[in-house]
Structure formats: C-alpha cells, structure tokens
Amino acid sequence: MKARLAAAGLLGCFVLVAGFEGLRTAAYRDPVGIPTICYGSTAGVRLGDTATRAQCEALLGRELLAAHDAMMACVRVPLTPGQRAAFTSFSFNVGSRAFCRSTLARRLNAGDYAGACAELGRWVHARGVRLPGLERRRAAERELCERPS
C-alpha cells in the first residue's frame, strides 16, 4: 500500500490525514454524530466495530487513493505535489462530490491556483458549527497547497 501511495505522491498526505484524524480502533461518533473508525473512516461503520492498527492503515491508504482518483477526475490542470496532497486530504475529508462542485475546484480549473488554495480556509464548518480542528487542518492543507514545487 505504501508503494502505491508513494507512486501517487501521497505519503505526505497519509501522514497529514492520519495526524489530523487520529487513530481510533473502536468505532465512535465524530463531532457531528457520524459513526467513525480508524483514521476518520465512516463508510459502513457501526458503533461497536473494531479494527487493528494495520487494518486502519490499509483502510486509510485505500480511501486516500480513492479520494485522489475521484479528485483528479474533476481537475483539468496540472498540480504540484503539495497541491495534489492538499486537495486529496480535502477531498477525503469533505467527499469528492463536494470537492468537484466547489468554488475551490472551479477556481483551480480556471488556473487560479492562489484562489483555490485560499478557498480551503472557508471549509471549517461541520453542520453549521465552526470546528477548531478543521481550522487547523485547513491551515495545514493551505500551507501544503501554497508550497513551491
């Protein structure tokens, strides 16, 4: 899995997402009440589910590759490694549908890289509540996004 992440330029993204999501091997409710496990995985999770660290790392790797592929399907401009990692992290967090329909994606595809990176800072709410954890995550994603290649 790590070789596939490295080939896609996503090892840094793995570290970023794992750091912000944190590892939880037993299912729990996230800040807005969604059953979550491992490093922020929600698909098919039920309270009472458990996983090992190895299972969680493999799951995160698969989910990041899927988020990357879905994000790249709606990006029509070249990306730096930092932009690729930042937008994959963002897409993993908000979902590829939200990413592809966002002002961020429109700015990016118009070649407005600075504007697209700046848009990250607007996505700090979950169900209408401003979350300090999302503010920190978006700041880290923006820093990656704006990093020279």
N, C-alpha and C. Protein backbone atom coordinates (compact mmCIF):
# COMPACT_ATOMS: atom_id res chain seq x y z
N MET A 1 0.83 -1.19 0.00
CA MET A 1 0.00 0.00 0.00
C MET A 1 0.88 1.25 0.00
N LYS A 2 1.95 1.23 0.81
CA LYS A 2 2.81 2.41 0.87
C LYS A 2 3.46 2.69 -0.47
N ALA A 3 3.78 1.65 -1.22
CA ALA A 3 4.38 1.85 -2.55
C ALA A 3 3.38 2.54 -3.48
N ARG A 4 2.11 2.14 -3.41
CA ARG A 4 1.09 2.78 -4.25
C ARG A 4 0.88 4.23 -3.84
N LEU A 5 0.90 4.50 -2.54
CA LEU A 5 0.77 5.89 -2.07
C LEU A 5 1.97 6.71 -2.51
N ALA A 6 3.16 6.14 -2.41
CA ALA A 6 4.37 6.85 -2.82
C ALA A 6 4.33 7.14 -4.32
N ALA A 7 3.89 6.17 -5.11
CA ALA A 7 3.82 6.36 -6.56
C ALA A 7 2.85 7.48 -6.92
N ALA A 8 1.80 7.64 -6.13
CA ALA A 8 0.83 8.70 -6.38
C ALA A 8 1.24 10.02 -5.72
N GLY A 9 2.38 10.01 -5.01
CA GLY A 9 2.84 11.22 -4.33
C GLY A 9 2.01 11.54 -3.10
N LEU A 10 1.50 10.50 -2.43
CA LEU A 10 0.55 10.74 -1.34
C LEU A 10 1.03 10.30 0.04
N LEU A 11 2.32 9.98 0.19
CA LEU A 11 2.79 9.60 1.53
C LEU A 11 2.63 10.76 2.51
N GLY A 12 2.95 11.98 2.06
CA GLY A 12 2.77 13.15 2.91
C GLY A 12 1.32 13.37 3.26
N CYS A 13 0.45 13.10 2.33
CA CYS A 13 -0.99 13.22 2.56
C CYS A 13 -1.43 12.20 3.62
N PHE A 14 -0.90 10.99 3.55
CA PHE A 14 -1.21 9.95 4.54
C PHE A 14 -0.86 10.44 5.94
N VAL A 15 0.35 11.00 6.08
CA VAL A 15 0.80 11.50 7.38
C VAL A 15 -0.08 12.65 7.85
N LEU A 16 -0.41 13.56 6.94
CA LEU A 16 -1.27 14.71 7.28
C LEU A 16 -2.63 14.24 7.77
N VAL A 17 -3.28 13.39 6.99
CA VAL A 17 -4.63 12.92 7.35
C VAL A 17 -4.59 12.11 8.64
N ALA A 18 -3.62 11.21 8.76
CA ALA A 18 -3.53 10.40 9.98
C ALA A 18 -3.34 11.28 11.20
N GLY A 19 -2.53 12.32 11.07
CA GLY A 19 -2.30 13.22 12.19
C GLY A 19 -3.53 13.99 12.60
N PHE A 20 -4.30 14.46 11.64
CA PHE A 20 -5.49 15.23 11.98
C PHE A 20 -6.66 14.35 12.39
N GLU A 21 -6.80 13.20 11.77
CA GLU A 21 -7.92 12.32 12.11
C GLU A 21 -7.66 11.58 13.42
N GLY A 22 -6.40 11.18 13.64
CA GLY A 22 -6.08 10.38 14.82
C GLY A 22 -6.57 8.95 14.63
N LEU A 23 -5.92 8.02 15.31
CA LEU A 23 -6.27 6.60 15.20
C LEU A 23 -7.21 6.22 16.33
N ARG A 24 -8.35 5.69 15.97
CA ARG A 24 -9.30 5.14 16.94
C ARG A 24 -9.69 3.76 16.44
N THR A 25 -9.32 2.72 17.18
CA THR A 25 -9.56 1.35 16.73
C THR A 25 -10.94 0.82 17.14
N ALA A 26 -11.69 1.61 17.85
CA ALA A 26 -13.08 1.27 18.17
C ALA A 26 -13.97 2.38 17.62
N ALA A 27 -15.08 2.00 17.03
CA ALA A 27 -15.99 2.98 16.43
C ALA A 27 -16.50 3.96 17.49
N TYR A 28 -16.67 5.20 17.06
CA TYR A 28 -17.13 6.29 17.94
C TYR A 28 -17.93 7.26 17.09
N ARG A 29 -18.59 8.20 17.73
CA ARG A 29 -19.31 9.25 16.99
C ARG A 29 -18.38 10.45 16.84
N ASP A 30 -18.25 10.95 15.61
CA ASP A 30 -17.42 12.13 15.38
C ASP A 30 -18.14 13.37 15.93
N PRO A 31 -17.52 14.57 15.81
CA PRO A 31 -18.13 15.77 16.42
C PRO A 31 -19.55 16.09 15.93
N VAL A 32 -19.94 15.56 14.78
CA VAL A 32 -21.31 15.82 14.33
C VAL A 32 -22.18 14.56 14.39
N GLY A 33 -21.70 13.53 15.09
CA GLY A 33 -22.52 12.36 15.38
C GLY A 33 -22.45 11.20 14.41
N ILE A 34 -21.52 11.23 13.46
CA ILE A 34 -21.41 10.16 12.46
C ILE A 34 -20.51 9.05 12.99
N PRO A 35 -20.97 7.78 12.97
CA PRO A 35 -20.11 6.68 13.40
C PRO A 35 -18.84 6.64 12.55
N THR A 36 -17.70 6.58 13.24
CA THR A 36 -16.39 6.73 12.60
C THR A 36 -15.43 5.74 13.24
N ILE A 37 -14.44 5.29 12.47
CA ILE A 37 -13.42 4.38 13.00
C ILE A 37 -12.09 4.68 12.31
N CYS A 38 -11.04 4.16 12.88
CA CYS A 38 -9.68 4.25 12.33
C CYS A 38 -9.24 5.70 12.17
N TYR A 39 -8.92 6.11 10.96
CA TYR A 39 -8.46 7.48 10.69
C TYR A 39 -9.55 8.28 10.00
N GLY A 40 -10.74 8.30 10.59
CA GLY A 40 -11.82 9.10 10.04
C GLY A 40 -12.70 8.39 9.03
N SER A 41 -12.64 7.07 8.98
CA SER A 41 -13.46 6.32 8.04
C SER A 41 -14.90 6.24 8.55
N THR A 42 -15.84 6.45 7.64
CA THR A 42 -17.26 6.44 8.03
C THR A 42 -18.09 5.43 7.24
N ALA A 43 -17.64 4.99 6.10
CA ALA A 43 -18.44 4.11 5.24
C ALA A 43 -18.73 2.78 5.93
N GLY A 44 -20.00 2.51 6.14
CA GLY A 44 -20.42 1.24 6.71
C GLY A 44 -20.07 1.02 8.16
N VAL A 45 -19.64 2.06 8.87
CA VAL A 45 -19.22 1.91 10.26
C VAL A 45 -20.44 1.88 11.17
N ARG A 46 -20.40 0.94 12.13
CA ARG A 46 -21.44 0.86 13.16
C ARG A 46 -20.77 0.92 14.52
N LEU A 47 -21.41 1.57 15.46
CA LEU A 47 -20.89 1.60 16.82
C LEU A 47 -20.72 0.16 17.29
N GLY A 48 -19.58 -0.12 17.92
CA GLY A 48 -19.25 -1.48 18.32
C GLY A 48 -18.21 -2.12 17.41
N ASP A 49 -18.01 -1.58 16.21
CA ASP A 49 -16.99 -2.08 15.29
C ASP A 49 -15.60 -1.83 15.88
N THR A 50 -14.65 -2.72 15.58
CA THR A 50 -13.26 -2.54 15.99
C THR A 50 -12.36 -2.89 14.81
N ALA A 51 -11.10 -2.43 14.89
CA ALA A 51 -10.11 -2.70 13.84
C ALA A 51 -8.73 -2.64 14.46
N THR A 52 -7.76 -3.29 13.84
CA THR A 52 -6.37 -3.21 14.28
C THR A 52 -5.70 -2.01 13.62
N ARG A 53 -4.54 -1.63 14.13
CA ARG A 53 -3.77 -0.54 13.51
C ARG A 53 -3.47 -0.87 12.05
N ALA A 54 -3.04 -2.10 11.79
CA ALA A 54 -2.71 -2.50 10.41
C ALA A 54 -3.93 -2.39 9.50
N GLN A 55 -5.08 -2.83 9.99
CA GLN A 55 -6.31 -2.71 9.20
C GLN A 55 -6.64 -1.24 8.93
N CYS A 56 -6.44 -0.40 9.95
CA CYS A 56 -6.74 1.03 9.80
C CYS A 56 -5.80 1.69 8.80
N GLU A 57 -4.52 1.34 8.85
CA GLU A 57 -3.56 1.93 7.90
C GLU A 57 -3.89 1.50 6.48
N ALA A 58 -4.24 0.23 6.30
CA ALA A 58 -4.60 -0.24 4.96
C ALA A 58 -5.88 0.45 4.47
N LEU A 59 -6.85 0.61 5.36
CA LEU A 59 -8.11 1.28 5.01
C LEU A 59 -7.85 2.73 4.61
N LEU A 60 -7.03 3.44 5.39
CA LEU A 60 -6.73 4.83 5.06
C LEU A 60 -6.02 4.91 3.71
N GLY A 61 -5.09 4.02 3.46
CA GLY A 61 -4.40 4.02 2.17
C GLY A 61 -5.37 3.85 1.01
N ARG A 62 -6.26 2.87 1.13
CA ARG A 62 -7.25 2.64 0.07
C ARG A 62 -8.16 3.86 -0.10
N GLU A 63 -8.60 4.43 1.01
CA GLU A 63 -9.51 5.58 0.93
C GLU A 63 -8.82 6.81 0.36
N LEU A 64 -7.54 7.01 0.68
CA LEU A 64 -6.82 8.15 0.12
C LEU A 64 -6.62 7.98 -1.38
N LEU A 65 -6.29 6.77 -1.81
CA LEU A 65 -6.14 6.54 -3.26
C LEU A 65 -7.47 6.78 -3.97
N ALA A 66 -8.57 6.34 -3.37
CA ALA A 66 -9.89 6.56 -3.97
C ALA A 66 -10.22 8.05 -3.99
N ALA A 67 -9.92 8.76 -2.90
CA ALA A 67 -10.18 10.21 -2.85
C ALA A 67 -9.33 10.93 -3.88
N HIS A 68 -8.09 10.51 -4.03
CA HIS A 68 -7.19 11.10 -5.02
C HIS A 68 -7.73 10.90 -6.43
N ASP A 69 -8.11 9.67 -6.75
CA ASP A 69 -8.61 9.39 -8.09
C ASP A 69 -9.89 10.17 -8.39
N ALA A 70 -10.79 10.24 -7.41
CA ALA A 70 -12.05 10.98 -7.60
C ALA A 70 -11.77 12.47 -7.76
N MET A 71 -10.85 12.99 -6.96
CA MET A 71 -10.48 14.41 -7.05
C MET A 71 -9.86 14.71 -8.42
N MET A 72 -8.94 13.86 -8.86
CA MET A 72 -8.27 14.09 -10.14
C MET A 72 -9.23 13.96 -11.32
N ALA A 73 -10.32 13.23 -11.16
CA ALA A 73 -11.29 13.08 -12.24
C ALA A 73 -11.97 14.40 -12.58
N CYS A 74 -11.96 15.35 -11.65
CA CYS A 74 -12.61 16.63 -11.96
C CYS A 74 -11.60 17.78 -12.00
N VAL A 75 -10.31 17.48 -11.95
CA VAL A 75 -9.27 18.51 -12.06
C VAL A 75 -8.70 18.46 -13.48
N ARG A 76 -8.67 19.61 -14.13
CA ARG A 76 -8.21 19.66 -15.52
C ARG A 76 -6.91 20.45 -15.69
N VAL A 77 -6.22 20.72 -14.60
CA VAL A 77 -4.97 21.48 -14.66
C VAL A 77 -3.89 20.68 -13.94
N PRO A 78 -2.62 20.93 -14.27
CA PRO A 78 -1.55 20.23 -13.57
C PRO A 78 -1.44 20.72 -12.13
N LEU A 79 -1.02 19.81 -11.24
CA LEU A 79 -0.86 20.14 -9.82
C LEU A 79 0.57 19.88 -9.37
N THR A 80 1.05 20.69 -8.43
CA THR A 80 2.32 20.42 -7.78
C THR A 80 2.09 19.27 -6.79
N PRO A 81 3.15 18.63 -6.31
CA PRO A 81 2.96 17.59 -5.30
C PRO A 81 2.22 18.11 -4.05
N GLY A 82 2.52 19.32 -3.62
CA GLY A 82 1.84 19.88 -2.46
C GLY A 82 0.36 20.12 -2.71
N GLN A 83 0.03 20.60 -3.88
CA GLN A 83 -1.38 20.81 -4.23
C GLN A 83 -2.11 19.48 -4.30
N ARG A 84 -1.47 18.50 -4.90
CA ARG A 84 -2.07 17.16 -5.01
C ARG A 84 -2.36 16.60 -3.61
N ALA A 85 -1.41 16.72 -2.69
CA ALA A 85 -1.61 16.21 -1.33
C ALA A 85 -2.69 17.00 -0.60
N ALA A 86 -2.65 18.32 -0.72
CA ALA A 86 -3.63 19.17 -0.02
C ALA A 86 -5.04 18.89 -0.52
N PHE A 87 -5.22 18.82 -1.82
CA PHE A 87 -6.56 18.63 -2.37
C PHE A 87 -7.06 17.19 -2.17
N THR A 88 -6.14 16.23 -2.08
CA THR A 88 -6.55 14.86 -1.76
C THR A 88 -7.03 14.79 -0.32
N SER A 89 -6.29 15.41 0.60
CA SER A 89 -6.71 15.46 2.00
C SER A 89 -8.08 16.12 2.13
N PHE A 90 -8.24 17.23 1.44
CA PHE A 90 -9.50 17.97 1.47
C PHE A 90 -10.64 17.12 0.91
N SER A 91 -10.41 16.48 -0.23
CA SER A 91 -11.43 15.64 -0.86
C SER A 91 -11.79 14.45 0.02
N PHE A 92 -10.79 13.86 0.67
CA PHE A 92 -11.03 12.76 1.61
C PHE A 92 -11.96 13.24 2.72
N ASN A 93 -11.73 14.45 3.20
CA ASN A 93 -12.48 14.98 4.33
C ASN A 93 -13.90 15.41 3.97
N VAL A 94 -14.08 16.08 2.85
CA VAL A 94 -15.41 16.62 2.51
C VAL A 94 -16.16 15.74 1.52
N GLY A 95 -15.46 14.83 0.87
CA GLY A 95 -16.08 13.98 -0.15
C GLY A 95 -15.80 14.52 -1.54
N SER A 96 -15.64 13.61 -2.48
CA SER A 96 -15.28 14.03 -3.85
C SER A 96 -16.41 14.81 -4.51
N ARG A 97 -17.64 14.49 -4.20
CA ARG A 97 -18.76 15.21 -4.79
C ARG A 97 -18.73 16.68 -4.38
N ALA A 98 -18.51 16.93 -3.08
CA ALA A 98 -18.42 18.31 -2.60
C ALA A 98 -17.22 19.01 -3.21
N PHE A 99 -16.08 18.29 -3.30
CA PHE A 99 -14.89 18.89 -3.91
C PHE A 99 -15.18 19.30 -5.35
N CYS A 100 -15.71 18.38 -6.12
CA CYS A 100 -15.89 18.64 -7.56
C CYS A 100 -16.91 19.74 -7.84
N ARG A 101 -17.84 19.97 -6.94
CA ARG A 101 -18.86 21.01 -7.12
C ARG A 101 -18.48 22.34 -6.47
N SER A 102 -17.32 22.39 -5.85
CA SER A 102 -16.94 23.56 -5.05
C SER A 102 -16.40 24.72 -5.87
N THR A 103 -16.46 25.91 -5.28
CA THR A 103 -15.81 27.09 -5.84
C THR A 103 -14.31 26.84 -5.94
N LEU A 104 -13.77 26.11 -4.98
CA LEU A 104 -12.35 25.76 -5.00
C LEU A 104 -12.00 25.06 -6.32
N ALA A 105 -12.77 24.04 -6.69
CA ALA A 105 -12.49 23.31 -7.93
C ALA A 105 -12.67 24.20 -9.15
N ARG A 106 -13.68 25.06 -9.13
CA ARG A 106 -13.87 25.97 -10.26
C ARG A 106 -12.68 26.91 -10.41
N ARG A 107 -12.21 27.45 -9.29
CA ARG A 107 -11.04 28.34 -9.35
C ARG A 107 -9.81 27.59 -9.83
N LEU A 108 -9.63 26.40 -9.30
CA LEU A 108 -8.49 25.58 -9.69
C LEU A 108 -8.51 25.32 -11.19
N ASN A 109 -9.62 24.87 -11.70
CA ASN A 109 -9.72 24.55 -13.13
C ASN A 109 -9.65 25.77 -14.02
N ALA A 110 -9.86 26.95 -13.45
CA ALA A 110 -9.69 28.20 -14.20
C ALA A 110 -8.24 28.67 -14.17
N GLY A 111 -7.38 27.91 -13.47
CA GLY A 111 -5.97 28.28 -13.37
C GLY A 111 -5.67 29.24 -12.24
N ASP A 112 -6.64 29.51 -11.38
CA ASP A 112 -6.46 30.41 -10.24
C ASP A 112 -6.00 29.58 -9.04
N TYR A 113 -4.74 29.19 -9.07
CA TYR A 113 -4.19 28.34 -8.02
C TYR A 113 -4.22 29.02 -6.66
N ALA A 114 -3.85 30.29 -6.60
CA ALA A 114 -3.85 31.02 -5.32
C ALA A 114 -5.27 31.09 -4.76
N GLY A 115 -6.23 31.37 -5.62
CA GLY A 115 -7.63 31.44 -5.18
C GLY A 115 -8.13 30.09 -4.70
N ALA A 116 -7.73 29.02 -5.38
CA ALA A 116 -8.14 27.67 -4.96
C ALA A 116 -7.56 27.33 -3.60
N CYS A 117 -6.28 27.63 -3.40
CA CYS A 117 -5.66 27.36 -2.10
C CYS A 117 -6.33 28.18 -1.00
N ALA A 118 -6.67 29.43 -1.30
CA ALA A 118 -7.33 30.29 -0.31
C ALA A 118 -8.71 29.76 0.05
N GLU A 119 -9.39 29.12 -0.89
CA GLU A 119 -10.73 28.57 -0.62
C GLU A 119 -10.72 27.52 0.49
N LEU A 120 -9.60 26.85 0.68
CA LEU A 120 -9.53 25.84 1.73
C LEU A 120 -9.96 26.40 3.08
N GLY A 121 -9.58 27.65 3.35
CA GLY A 121 -9.89 28.28 4.63
C GLY A 121 -11.36 28.52 4.87
N ARG A 122 -12.18 28.40 3.85
CA ARG A 122 -13.62 28.60 4.01
C ARG A 122 -14.33 27.34 4.50
N TRP A 123 -13.67 26.21 4.39
CA TRP A 123 -14.30 24.92 4.71
C TRP A 123 -13.95 24.48 6.14
N VAL A 124 -14.41 25.23 7.12
CA VAL A 124 -14.06 24.96 8.52
C VAL A 124 -15.30 24.68 9.38
N HIS A 125 -16.42 24.42 8.73
CA HIS A 125 -17.67 24.16 9.45
C HIS A 125 -18.13 22.73 9.18
N ALA A 126 -18.76 22.14 10.17
CA ALA A 126 -19.43 20.85 10.01
C ALA A 126 -20.83 21.01 10.57
N ARG A 127 -21.81 20.82 9.71
CA ARG A 127 -23.21 21.01 10.08
C ARG A 127 -23.44 22.37 10.72
N GLY A 128 -22.80 23.39 10.14
CA GLY A 128 -23.00 24.77 10.58
C GLY A 128 -22.18 25.19 11.78
N VAL A 129 -21.38 24.30 12.34
CA VAL A 129 -20.58 24.61 13.52
C VAL A 129 -19.12 24.76 13.10
N ARG A 130 -18.51 25.89 13.47
CA ARG A 130 -17.09 26.13 13.19
C ARG A 130 -16.26 25.25 14.14
N LEU A 131 -15.38 24.43 13.57
CA LEU A 131 -14.59 23.50 14.38
C LEU A 131 -13.11 23.88 14.35
N PRO A 132 -12.52 24.11 15.54
CA PRO A 132 -11.10 24.46 15.60
C PRO A 132 -10.20 23.42 14.93
N GLY A 133 -10.56 22.14 15.03
CA GLY A 133 -9.78 21.10 14.38
C GLY A 133 -9.77 21.25 12.86
N LEU A 134 -10.91 21.64 12.30
CA LEU A 134 -10.97 21.88 10.85
C LEU A 134 -10.19 23.12 10.48
N GLU A 135 -10.19 24.12 11.34
CA GLU A 135 -9.40 25.33 11.06
C GLU A 135 -7.92 24.97 10.98
N ARG A 136 -7.43 24.15 11.92
CA ARG A 136 -6.02 23.74 11.91
C ARG A 136 -5.71 22.89 10.67
N ARG A 137 -6.62 21.98 10.36
CA ARG A 137 -6.41 21.11 9.20
C ARG A 137 -6.36 21.92 7.91
N ARG A 138 -7.29 22.83 7.73
CA ARG A 138 -7.31 23.64 6.51
C ARG A 138 -6.08 24.53 6.42
N ALA A 139 -5.60 25.03 7.55
CA ALA A 139 -4.37 25.83 7.53
C ALA A 139 -3.19 24.98 7.06
N ALA A 140 -3.12 23.73 7.53
CA ALA A 140 -2.04 22.83 7.11
C ALA A 140 -2.18 22.48 5.62
N GLU A 141 -3.41 22.24 5.17
CA GLU A 141 -3.63 21.95 3.75
C GLU A 141 -3.26 23.16 2.89
N ARG A 142 -3.62 24.34 3.35
CA ARG A 142 -3.29 25.55 2.58
C ARG A 142 -1.78 25.73 2.49
N GLU A 143 -1.09 25.48 3.60
CA GLU A 143 0.37 25.59 3.59
C GLU A 143 0.96 24.62 2.55
N LEU A 144 0.48 23.40 2.53
CA LEU A 144 0.93 22.42 1.53
C LEU A 144 0.61 22.90 0.12
N CYS A 145 -0.60 23.42 -0.05
CA CYS A 145 -1.08 23.87 -1.35
C CYS A 145 -0.22 25.00 -1.91
N GLU A 146 0.20 25.89 -1.04
CA GLU A 146 0.96 27.07 -1.47
C GLU A 146 2.46 26.84 -1.53
N ARG A 147 2.91 25.66 -1.10
CA ARG A 147 4.34 25.35 -1.10
C ARG A 147 4.87 25.27 -2.52
N PRO A 148 5.98 25.96 -2.78
CA PRO A 148 6.56 25.86 -4.13
C PRO A 148 6.97 24.41 -4.42
N SER A 149 6.88 24.01 -5.67
CA SER A 149 7.20 22.61 -6.02
C SER A 149 8.67 22.33 -5.97
